[in-house]
C-alpha atoms as a PDB file:
ATOM      1  CA  MET A   1      25.176  32.543  23.994  1.00  0.00           C
ATOM      2  CA  ALA A   2      26.792  30.382  26.626  1.00  0.00           C
ATOM      3  CA  ALA A   3      30.467  29.656  26.477  1.00  0.00           C
ATOM      4  CA  SER A   4      31.595  26.193  25.478  1.00  0.00           C
ATOM      5  CA  PRO A   5      32.686  23.930  28.340  1.00  0.00           C
ATOM      6  CA  PRO A   6      36.378  23.880  29.179  1.00  0.00           C
ATOM      7  CA  GLU A   7      38.542  21.269  27.531  1.00  0.00           C
ATOM      8  CA  ARG A   8      39.120  18.070  29.449  1.00  0.00           C
ATOM      9  CA  ALA A   9      42.098  16.794  27.531  1.00  0.00           C
ATOM     10  CA  THR A  10      45.210  16.167  29.573  1.00  0.00           C
ATOM     11  CA  SER A  11      47.586  17.057  26.794  1.00  0.00           C
ATOM     12  CA  ILE A  12      47.726  19.278  23.759  1.00  0.00           C
ATOM     13  CA  SER A  13      47.356  17.631  20.351  1.00  0.00           C
ATOM     14  CA  LEU A  14      50.296  17.383  17.989  1.00  0.00           C
ATOM     15  CA  TYR A  15      48.129  18.996  15.303  1.00  0.00           C
ATOM     16  CA  ALA A  16      47.635  22.106  17.453  1.00  0.00           C
ATOM     17  CA  LEU A  17      51.387  22.265  18.098  1.00  0.00           C
ATOM     18  CA  PHE A  18      52.192  22.091  14.373  1.00  0.00           C
ATOM     19  CA  LEU A  19      49.662  24.827  13.620  1.00  0.00           C
ATOM     20  CA  LEU A  20      51.079  27.000  16.391  1.00  0.00           C
ATOM     21  CA  GLY A  21      54.617  26.486  15.111  1.00  0.00           C
ATOM     22  CA  PHE A  22      53.826  27.347  11.494  1.00  0.00           C
ATOM     23  CA  LEU A  23      51.691  30.298  12.577  1.00  0.00           C
ATOM     24  CA  SER A  24      54.518  31.732  14.680  1.00  0.00           C
ATOM     25  CA  ILE A  25      56.995  31.382  11.805  1.00  0.00           C
ATOM     26  CA  PHE A  26      54.734  32.913   9.147  1.00  0.00           C
ATOM     27  CA  TRP A  27      53.537  35.750  11.382  1.00  0.00           C
ATOM     28  CA  GLY A  28      57.069  36.406  12.629  1.00  0.00           C
ATOM     29  CA  LEU A  29      58.293  36.638   9.034  1.00  0.00           C
ATOM     30  CA  ASN A  30      55.412  38.990   8.279  1.00  0.00           C
ATOM     31  CA  TRP A  31      56.930  41.923  10.219  1.00  0.00           C
ATOM     32  CA  PRO A  32      59.950  42.397   7.912  1.00  0.00           C
ATOM     33  CA  VAL A  33      57.670  41.482   4.992  1.00  0.00           C
ATOM     34  CA  MET A  34      55.362  44.347   5.939  1.00  0.00           C
ATOM     35  CA  LYS A  35      58.334  46.678   6.312  1.00  0.00           C
ATOM     36  CA  ILE A  36      59.412  45.952   2.739  1.00  0.00           C
ATOM     37  CA  GLY A  37      55.892  46.189   1.334  1.00  0.00           C
ATOM     38  CA  LEU A  38      55.004  49.418   3.120  1.00  0.00           C
ATOM     39  CA  SER A  39      58.099  51.087   1.666  1.00  0.00           C
ATOM     40  CA  GLU A  40      56.125  51.578  -1.564  1.00  0.00           C
ATOM     41  CA  VAL A  41      52.514  50.662  -0.772  1.00  0.00           C
ATOM     42  CA  SER A  42      50.075  52.734   1.277  1.00  0.00           C
ATOM     43  CA  PRO A  43      49.137  51.027   4.578  1.00  0.00           C
ATOM     44  CA  TRP A  44      45.459  51.325   3.666  1.00  0.00           C
ATOM     45  CA  VAL A  45      45.947  49.763   0.228  1.00  0.00           C
ATOM     46  CA  PHE A  46      48.188  47.099   1.759  1.00  0.00           C
ATOM     47  CA  ARG A  47      45.538  46.101   4.297  1.00  0.00           C
ATOM     48  CA  ALA A  48      42.626  46.364   1.863  1.00  0.00           C
ATOM     49  CA  CYS A  49      44.355  44.029  -0.621  1.00  0.00           C
ATOM     50  CA  ALA A  50      45.143  41.518   2.107  1.00  0.00           C
ATOM     51  CA  SER A  51      41.644  41.432   3.624  1.00  0.00           C
ATOM     52  CA  VAL A  52      39.783  41.330   0.310  1.00  0.00           C
ATOM     53  CA  SER A  53      42.045  38.477  -0.813  1.00  0.00           C
ATOM     54  CA  GLY A  54      41.521  36.736   2.514  1.00  0.00           C
ATOM     55  CA  ALA A  55      37.739  36.936   2.194  1.00  0.00           C
ATOM     56  CA  ILE A  56      37.736  35.678  -1.407  1.00  0.00           C
ATOM     57  CA  GLY A  57      40.177  32.860  -0.680  1.00  0.00           C
ATOM     58  CA  LEU A  58      38.390  31.649   2.431  1.00  0.00           C
ATOM     59  CA  PHE A  59      34.954  31.803   0.802  1.00  0.00           C
ATOM     60  CA  ALA A  60      36.341  29.819  -2.152  1.00  0.00           C
ATOM     61  CA  ILE A  61      37.777  27.165   0.170  1.00  0.00           C
ATOM     62  CA  ALA A  62      34.488  26.975   2.086  1.00  0.00           C
ATOM     63  CA  LYS A  63      32.458  26.662  -1.113  1.00  0.00           C
ATOM     64  CA  PHE A  64      34.777  23.995  -2.521  1.00  0.00           C
ATOM     65  CA  SER A  65      34.395  22.085   0.765  1.00  0.00           C
ATOM     66  CA  GLY A  66      30.612  22.147   0.416  1.00  0.00           C
ATOM     67  CA  HIS A  67      29.929  24.516   3.322  1.00  0.00           C
ATOM     68  CA  ARG A  68      27.033  26.947   3.440  1.00  0.00           C
ATOM     69  CA  LEU A  69      28.248  30.547   3.291  1.00  0.00           C
ATOM     70  CA  GLY A  70      25.419  32.233   5.162  1.00  0.00           C
ATOM     71  CA  VAL A  71      25.514  33.461   8.756  1.00  0.00           C
ATOM     72  CA  PRO A  72      22.840  31.974  11.062  1.00  0.00           C
ATOM     73  CA  ARG A  73      20.473  34.649  12.334  1.00  0.00           C
ATOM     74  CA  GLY A  74      21.428  34.126  15.976  1.00  0.00           C
ATOM     75  CA  GLU A  75      25.154  34.536  15.256  1.00  0.00           C
ATOM     76  CA  ARG A  76      25.093  37.761  13.241  1.00  0.00           C
ATOM     77  CA  LEU A  77      25.690  40.116  16.149  1.00  0.00           C
ATOM     78  CA  GLY A  78      28.584  37.981  17.345  1.00  0.00           C
ATOM     79  CA  ILE A  79      30.295  37.897  13.958  1.00  0.00           C
ATOM     80  CA  VAL A  80      29.985  41.682  13.619  1.00  0.00           C
ATOM     81  CA  LEU A  81      31.483  42.278  17.076  1.00  0.00           C
ATOM     82  CA  CYS A  82      34.370  39.873  16.397  1.00  0.00           C
ATOM     83  CA  ALA A  83      35.033  41.463  12.984  1.00  0.00           C
ATOM     84  CA  ILE A  84      35.102  44.966  14.472  1.00  0.00           C
ATOM     85  CA  LEU A  85      37.580  43.894  17.166  1.00  0.00           C
ATOM     86  CA  ASN A  86      39.764  41.449  15.206  1.00  0.00           C
ATOM     87  CA  LEU A  87      39.881  43.156  11.821  1.00  0.00           C
ATOM     88  CA  ALA A  88      38.615  46.744  11.743  1.00  0.00           C
ATOM     89  CA  LEU A  89      39.816  48.220  15.054  1.00  0.00           C
ATOM     90  CA  TRP A  90      43.000  46.150  15.160  1.00  0.00           C
ATOM     91  CA  ASN A  91      44.107  47.195  11.680  1.00  0.00           C
ATOM     92  CA  ILE A  92      43.022  50.841  11.882  1.00  0.00           C
ATOM     93  CA  LEU A  93      44.617  51.437  15.290  1.00  0.00           C
ATOM     94  CA  VAL A  94      47.849  49.690  14.250  1.00  0.00           C
ATOM     95  CA  LEU A  95      48.011  51.684  10.996  1.00  0.00           C
ATOM     96  CA  TYR A  96      47.720  55.001  12.808  1.00  0.00           C
ATOM     97  CA  GLY A  97      49.995  53.878  15.651  1.00  0.00           C
ATOM     98  CA  ILE A  98      52.800  52.810  13.310  1.00  0.00           C
ATOM     99  CA  ASP A  99      52.636  56.241  11.664  1.00  0.00           C
ATOM    100  CA  LEU A 100      53.415  57.864  15.031  1.00  0.00           C
ATOM    101  CA  MET A 101      56.170  55.587  16.340  1.00  0.00           C
ATOM    102  CA  ASN A 102      58.913  53.163  15.367  1.00  0.00           C
ATOM    103  CA  SER A 103      57.419  50.088  13.690  1.00  0.00           C
ATOM    104  CA  GLY A 104      59.650  47.683  15.642  1.00  0.00           C
ATOM    105  CA  ARG A 105      58.414  49.021  18.957  1.00  0.00           C
ATOM    106  CA  ALA A 106      54.871  48.968  17.603  1.00  0.00           C
ATOM    107  CA  ALA A 107      55.199  45.236  16.909  1.00  0.00           C
ATOM    108  CA  ILE A 108      56.451  44.635  20.435  1.00  0.00           C
ATOM    109  CA  LEU A 109      53.619  46.626  22.032  1.00  0.00           C
ATOM    110  CA  ALA A 110      51.058  44.906  19.798  1.00  0.00           C
ATOM    111  CA  TYR A 111      51.932  41.586  21.401  1.00  0.00           C
ATOM    112  CA  THR A 112      50.783  42.656  24.831  1.00  0.00           C
ATOM    113  CA  MET A 113      47.618  41.131  23.350  1.00  0.00           C
ATOM    114  CA  PRO A 114      47.922  37.937  25.484  1.00  0.00           C
ATOM    115  CA  LEU A 115      47.406  39.986  28.645  1.00  0.00           C
ATOM    116  CA  TRP A 116      44.083  41.367  27.394  1.00  0.00           C
ATOM    117  CA  ALA A 117      42.998  38.025  25.902  1.00  0.00           C
ATOM    118  CA  THR A 118      43.753  36.235  29.162  1.00  0.00           C
ATOM    119  CA  LEU A 119      41.854  38.777  31.245  1.00  0.00           C
ATOM    120  CA  THR A 120      38.872  38.749  28.864  1.00  0.00           C
ATOM    121  CA  GLY A 121      38.929  34.946  28.695  1.00  0.00           C
ATOM    122  CA  ALA A 122      38.977  34.658  32.463  1.00  0.00           C
ATOM    123  CA  PHE A 123      35.881  36.876  32.651  1.00  0.00           C
ATOM    124  CA  LEU A 124      33.864  35.509  29.709  1.00  0.00           C
ATOM    125  CA  LEU A 125      34.936  31.862  29.598  1.00  0.00           C
ATOM    126  CA  ARG A 126      35.688  31.251  33.284  1.00  0.00           C
ATOM    127  CA  GLU A 127      39.084  29.854  32.276  1.00  0.00           C
ATOM    128  CA  GLY A 128      41.168  29.443  35.389  1.00  0.00           C
ATOM    129  CA  LEU A 129      44.393  31.390  35.878  1.00  0.00           C
ATOM    130  CA  SER A 130      46.651  28.861  37.568  1.00  0.00           C
ATOM    131  CA  GLY A 131      50.008  29.833  39.009  1.00  0.00           C
ATOM    132  CA  ARG A 132      51.730  28.066  36.113  1.00  0.00           C
ATOM    133  CA  ARG A 133      49.773  30.043  33.526  1.00  0.00           C
ATOM    134  CA  LEU A 134      50.275  33.327  35.333  1.00  0.00           C
ATOM    135  CA  LEU A 135      54.019  32.626  35.449  1.00  0.00           C
ATOM    136  CA  ALA A 136      54.018  31.830  31.713  1.00  0.00           C
ATOM    137  CA  LEU A 137      52.173  35.052  30.986  1.00  0.00           C
ATOM    138  CA  ALA A 138      54.588  37.043  33.163  1.00  0.00           C
ATOM    139  CA  LEU A 139      57.565  35.493  31.366  1.00  0.00           C
ATOM    140  CA  GLY A 140      56.032  36.338  28.016  1.00  0.00           C
ATOM    141  CA  MET A 141      55.479  39.943  29.025  1.00  0.00           C
ATOM    142  CA  CYS A 142      59.069  40.109  30.321  1.00  0.00           C
ATOM    143  CA  ALA A 143      60.195  39.024  26.849  1.00  0.00           C
ATOM    144  CA  MET A 144      58.256  41.923  25.367  1.00  0.00           C
ATOM    145  CA  GLY A 145      59.970  44.252  27.816  1.00  0.00           C
ATOM    146  CA  LEU A 146      63.379  42.889  26.868  1.00  0.00           C
ATOM    147  CA  LEU A 147      62.672  43.503  23.200  1.00  0.00           C
ATOM    148  CA  PHE A 148      61.467  47.003  23.978  1.00  0.00           C
ATOM    149  CA  PHE A 149      64.695  47.891  25.812  1.00  0.00           C
ATOM    150  CA  ALA A 150      66.691  46.279  23.011  1.00  0.00           C
ATOM    151  CA  GLU A 151      65.619  49.196  20.832  1.00  0.00           C
ATOM    152  CA  GLY A 152      67.840  51.390  23.007  1.00  0.00           C
ATOM    153  CA  GLN A 153      65.593  54.425  22.611  1.00  0.00           C
ATOM    154  CA  ALA A 154      62.685  56.058  24.405  1.00  0.00           C
ATOM    155  CA  LEU A 155      59.201  56.072  22.951  1.00  0.00           C
ATOM    156  CA  GLY A 156      59.424  59.781  22.129  1.00  0.00           C
ATOM    157  CA  HIS A 157      57.600  62.840  23.317  1.00  0.00           C
ATOM    158  CA  SER A 158      54.123  61.746  22.235  1.00  0.00           C
ATOM    159  CA  LEU A 159      52.260  58.809  23.768  1.00  0.00           C
ATOM    160  CA  ALA A 160      49.620  58.792  21.011  1.00  0.00           C
ATOM    161  CA  GLY A 161      51.371  56.106  18.938  1.00  0.00           C
ATOM    162  CA  PRO A 162      51.995  53.666  21.795  1.00  0.00           C
ATOM    163  CA  LEU A 163      48.467  54.178  23.159  1.00  0.00           C
ATOM    164  CA  LEU A 164      46.948  53.460  19.752  1.00  0.00           C
ATOM    165  CA  VAL A 165      48.967  50.247  19.381  1.00  0.00           C
ATOM    166  CA  ILE A 166      48.111  49.121  22.913  1.00  0.00           C
ATOM    167  CA  GLY A 167      44.467  49.865  22.062  1.00  0.00           C
ATOM    168  CA  ALA A 168      44.862  47.583  19.039  1.00  0.00           C
ATOM    169  CA  ALA A 169      46.301  44.862  21.275  1.00  0.00           C
ATOM    170  CA  MET A 170      43.356  45.202  23.666  1.00  0.00           C
ATOM    171  CA  SER A 171      40.951  44.964  20.730  1.00  0.00           C
ATOM    172  CA  TRP A 172      42.588  41.824  19.334  1.00  0.00           C
ATOM    173  CA  GLY A 173      42.770  40.194  22.766  1.00  0.00           C
ATOM    174  CA  ALA A 174      39.094  40.826  23.484  1.00  0.00           C
ATOM    175  CA  GLY A 175      38.170  39.611  19.995  1.00  0.00           C
ATOM    176  CA  THR A 176      40.103  36.388  20.546  1.00  0.00           C
ATOM    177  CA  ALA A 177      38.096  35.605  23.675  1.00  0.00           C
ATOM    178  CA  LEU A 178      34.808  36.563  21.977  1.00  0.00           C
ATOM    179  CA  VAL A 179      35.402  34.135  19.088  1.00  0.00           C
ATOM    180  CA  LYS A 180      35.600  31.318  21.584  1.00  0.00           C
ATOM    181  CA  TYR A 181      32.750  32.694  23.702  1.00  0.00           C
ATOM    182  CA  TYR A 182      30.263  32.765  20.818  1.00  0.00           C
ATOM    183  CA  ASN A 183      31.248  29.240  19.722  1.00  0.00           C
ATOM    184  CA  PHE A 184      30.031  29.845  16.161  1.00  0.00           C
ATOM    185  CA  THR A 185      28.330  26.934  14.391  1.00  0.00           C
ATOM    186  CA  MET A 186      29.605  28.103  11.009  1.00  0.00           C
ATOM    187  CA  PRO A 187      32.722  26.401   9.624  1.00  0.00           C
ATOM    188  CA  LEU A 188      35.872  28.236  10.610  1.00  0.00           C
ATOM    189  CA  THR A 189      36.659  29.311   7.039  1.00  0.00           C
ATOM    190  CA  VAL A 190      33.215  30.928   6.715  1.00  0.00           C
ATOM    191  CA  THR A 191      33.533  32.628  10.120  1.00  0.00           C
ATOM    192  CA  ILE A 192      36.877  34.239   9.260  1.00  0.00           C
ATOM    193  CA  ALA A 193      35.807  35.139   5.714  1.00  0.00           C
ATOM    194  CA  TRP A 194      32.851  37.128   7.055  1.00  0.00           C
ATOM    195  CA  GLN A 195      35.137  38.843   9.573  1.00  0.00           C
ATOM    196  CA  HIS A 196      37.354  39.914   6.670  1.00  0.00           C
ATOM    197  CA  VAL A 197      34.354  41.273   4.741  1.00  0.00           C
ATOM    198  CA  ILE A 198      32.971  43.250   7.688  1.00  0.00           C
ATOM    199  CA  GLY A 199      36.352  44.396   8.977  1.00  0.00           C
ATOM    200  CA  VAL A 200      37.716  45.595   5.639  1.00  0.00           C
ATOM    201  CA  THR A 201      34.657  47.709   4.794  1.00  0.00           C
ATOM    202  CA  PRO A 202      35.767  50.897   6.636  1.00  0.00           C
ATOM    203  CA  ILE A 203      39.304  50.434   5.287  1.00  0.00           C
ATOM    204  CA  LEU A 204      37.996  50.237   1.716  1.00  0.00           C
ATOM    205  CA  VAL A 205      36.068  53.471   2.265  1.00  0.00           C
ATOM    206  CA  VAL A 206      39.325  55.223   3.203  1.00  0.00           C
ATOM    207  CA  VAL A 207      41.110  53.743   0.159  1.00  0.00           C
ATOM    208  CA  LEU A 208      38.364  54.998  -2.165  1.00  0.00           C
ATOM    209  CA  PHE A 209      38.659  58.539  -0.824  1.00  0.00           C
ATOM    210  CA  ARG A 210      42.430  58.935  -0.482  1.00  0.00           C
ATOM    211  CA  ASP A 211      44.418  56.182  -2.222  1.00  0.00           C
ATOM    212  CA  LEU A 212      42.841  55.574  -5.630  1.00  0.00           C
ATOM    213  CA  ASP A 213      45.776  57.134  -7.512  1.00  0.00           C
ATOM    214  CA  HIS A 214      48.656  54.915  -6.433  1.00  0.00           C
ATOM    215  CA  PRO A 215      52.079  54.927  -8.120  1.00  0.00           C
ATOM    216  CA  ALA A 216      53.583  51.813  -9.663  1.00  0.00           C
ATOM    217  CA  VAL A 217      55.125  49.321  -7.239  1.00  0.00           C
ATOM    218  CA  SER A 218      58.395  47.483  -7.829  1.00  0.00           C
ATOM    219  CA  PHE A 219      58.765  43.691  -7.708  1.00  0.00           C
ATOM    220  CA  TRP A 220      59.713  42.922  -4.093  1.00  0.00           C
ATOM    221  CA  PRO A 221      57.228  45.265  -2.372  1.00  0.00           C
ATOM    222  CA  ALA A 222      54.534  43.814  -4.658  1.00  0.00           C
ATOM    223  CA  MET A 223      55.563  40.283  -3.628  1.00  0.00           C
ATOM    224  CA  MET A 224      55.250  41.292   0.018  1.00  0.00           C
ATOM    225  CA  VAL A 225      51.664  42.347  -0.631  1.00  0.00           C
ATOM    226  CA  VAL A 226      51.069  38.982  -2.304  1.00  0.00           C
ATOM    227  CA  TYR A 227      52.534  37.231   0.760  1.00  0.00           C
ATOM    228  CA  ASN A 228      50.003  39.019   2.947  1.00  0.00           C
ATOM    229  CA  MET A 229      47.178  38.266   0.544  1.00  0.00           C
ATOM    230  CA  ALA A 230      47.944  34.539   0.338  1.00  0.00           C
ATOM    231  CA  ILE A 231      49.696  33.548   3.574  1.00  0.00           C
ATOM    232  CA  THR A 232      48.838  36.046   6.292  1.00  0.00           C
ATOM    233  CA  SER A 233      45.202  36.787   5.452  1.00  0.00           C
ATOM    234  CA  ILE A 234      44.179  33.236   4.578  1.00  0.00           C
ATOM    235  CA  PHE A 235      46.349  30.655   6.318  1.00  0.00           C
ATOM    236  CA  CYS A 236      47.443  32.652   9.376  1.00  0.00           C
ATOM    237  CA  TYR A 237      43.995  33.947  10.289  1.00  0.00           C
ATOM    238  CA  TRP A 238      42.501  30.482   9.788  1.00  0.00           C
ATOM    239  CA  ALA A 239      45.267  28.784  11.798  1.00  0.00           C
ATOM    240  CA  TYR A 240      45.076  31.309  14.645  1.00  0.00           C
ATOM    241  CA  PHE A 241      41.353  30.912  15.242  1.00  0.00           C
ATOM    242  CA  LYS A 242      41.597  27.153  14.730  1.00  0.00           C
ATOM    243  CA  ILE A 243      44.116  27.124  17.573  1.00  0.00           C
ATOM    244  CA  VAL A 244      41.791  29.323  19.658  1.00  0.00           C
ATOM    245  CA  GLN A 245      39.031  26.738  19.134  1.00  0.00           C
ATOM    246  CA  MET A 246      41.294  23.853  20.125  1.00  0.00           C
ATOM    247  CA  LEU A 247      43.145  25.368  23.087  1.00  0.00           C
ATOM    248  CA  PRO A 248      42.349  27.520  26.129  1.00  0.00           C
ATOM    249  CA  VAL A 249      42.718  31.215  25.325  1.00  0.00           C
ATOM    250  CA  VAL A 250      45.713  31.677  27.625  1.00  0.00           C
ATOM    251  CA  VAL A 251      47.561  28.795  25.922  1.00  0.00           C
ATOM    252  CA  SER A 252      46.901  30.030  22.391  1.00  0.00           C
ATOM    253  CA  THR A 253      47.775  33.632  23.169  1.00  0.00           C
ATOM    254  CA  VAL A 254      50.938  32.887  25.137  1.00  0.00           C
ATOM    255  CA  GLY A 255      51.943  30.512  22.336  1.00  0.00           C
ATOM    256  CA  VAL A 256      51.952  33.290  19.739  1.00  0.00           C
ATOM    257  CA  LEU A 257      54.241  35.400  21.923  1.00  0.00           C
ATOM    258  CA  ALA A 258      56.980  33.738  19.900  1.00  0.00           C
ATOM    259  CA  VAL A 259      55.901  35.854  16.908  1.00  0.00           C
ATOM    260  CA  PRO A 260      57.582  39.189  17.785  1.00  0.00           C
ATOM    261  CA  VAL A 261      60.731  37.381  18.919  1.00  0.00           C
ATOM    262  CA  LEU A 262      60.918  35.519  15.611  1.00  0.00           C
ATOM    263  CA  GLY A 263      60.149  38.829  13.909  1.00  0.00           C
ATOM    264  CA  VAL A 264      63.252  40.355  15.481  1.00  0.00           C
ATOM    265  CA  PHE A 265      65.443  37.503  14.249  1.00  0.00           C
ATOM    266  CA  PHE A 266      63.894  37.445  10.768  1.00  0.00           C
ATOM    267  CA  ASP A 267      64.468  41.205  10.629  1.00  0.00           C
ATOM    268  CA  ALA A 268      68.109  40.652  11.601  1.00  0.00           C
ATOM    269  CA  LEU A 269      68.487  37.997   8.899  1.00  0.00           C
ATOM    270  CA  ILE A 270      66.816  39.977   6.107  1.00  0.00           C
ATOM    271  CA  PHE A 271      68.164  43.436   6.925  1.00  0.00           C
ATOM    272  CA  ARG A 272      71.515  42.184   8.281  1.00  0.00           C
ATOM    273  CA  HIS A 273      71.027  43.533  11.794  1.00  0.00           C
ATOM    274  CA  LEU A 274      73.009  41.842  14.541  1.00  0.00           C
ATOM    275  CA  PRO A 275      70.755  40.515  17.368  1.00  0.00           C
ATOM    276  CA  THR A 276      71.644  41.809  20.816  1.00  0.00           C
ATOM    277  CA  ALA A 277      71.845  40.049  24.175  1.00  0.00           C
ATOM    278  CA  PHE A 278      68.325  41.369  24.839  1.00  0.00           C
ATOM    279  CA  ASP A 279      67.081  39.548  21.725  1.00  0.00           C
ATOM    280  CA  TYR A 280      68.572  36.232  22.838  1.00  0.00           C
ATOM    281  CA  ALA A 281      67.267  36.681  26.394  1.00  0.00           C
ATOM    282  CA  ALA A 282      63.780  37.392  25.017  1.00  0.00           C
ATOM    283  CA  LEU A 283      63.920  34.242  22.887  1.00  0.00           C
ATOM    284  CA  ILE A 284      64.859  32.087  25.889  1.00  0.00           C
ATOM    285  CA  THR A 285      62.139  33.702  28.008  1.00  0.00           C
ATOM    286  CA  VAL A 286      59.429  33.113  25.390  1.00  0.00           C
ATOM    287  CA  VAL A 287      60.513  29.489  24.924  1.00  0.00           C
ATOM    288  CA  ALA A 288      60.179  29.007  28.689  1.00  0.00           C
ATOM    289  CA  ALA A 289      56.709  30.627  28.691  1.00  0.00           C
ATOM    290  CA  VAL A 290      55.493  28.492  25.795  1.00  0.00           C
ATOM    291  CA  TYR A 291      56.903  25.358  27.429  1.00  0.00           C
ATOM    292  CA  LEU A 292      55.002  26.090  30.651  1.00  0.00           C
ATOM    293  CA  VAL A 293      51.606  26.402  28.988  1.00  0.00           C
ATOM    294  CA  LEU A 294      52.053  23.612  26.446  1.00  0.00           C
ATOM    295  CA  THR A 295      53.126  21.034  29.035  1.00  0.00           C
ATOM    296  CA  ALA A 296      50.538  21.941  31.682  1.00  0.00           C
ATOM    297  CA  ARG A 297      48.105  19.253  32.843  1.00  0.00           C
ATOM    298  CA  ARG A 298      44.482  20.253  33.283  1.00  0.00           C
END
């Protein structure tokens, strides 16, 4: 299926900016939320609950809005490929990667995703890589590097964890470009709901075989699961791919580079960690990167 023509707008809509802002806040908050939830909930159960809830919620919204819930015959391969990249591979690789390395560093490495999305978008969508956009991307990646060094520790003796998380970032980046490449005719809520259904299937299989007998969960970890079920898996996924539809891939992906930076500061607020000079430098660098792409003229 041919890619949609590039946008001709000379500025970015206020609606897209609001969505990007709320998405960055909610996803940034999600990192400490996940840390609290995973203290008592299995990663597989955590992710299964979130994706099943996301599918049910999005299908309900689509049905209430009067949309058809079926997948057109010509779009079935595309939706399966996007679900495998954006839901199944992303979540499975991140789950295993976090088990093998520090979760804070895993979050930082996960957001090398804009690099892979930009490269895939340039190949599939013929989206130009202007000097301004390349500079924004470089600044964003520098921010990730600053956050990495802020940890003050090496990755460890094994590279398996970091490689798995980088693999997840590559998967998500490629999936982002593919969503725009296929230009699905289904409503966005239906598109994401089907991705949840397809992507969660292998995760549910693992839950059935190894996590059926789960101990009781206390209040706050349970609330963190609910946050993921209601906010992350419904609103955030919808908002992210809505932004991908509205903006060039490089703009949308560089825009969400604010997420791990906000995650660091939310973590500091919730767990009473004092941000370092590296954290503040990363924040300034990401703001500069986002400013460059959001104020660019096409």
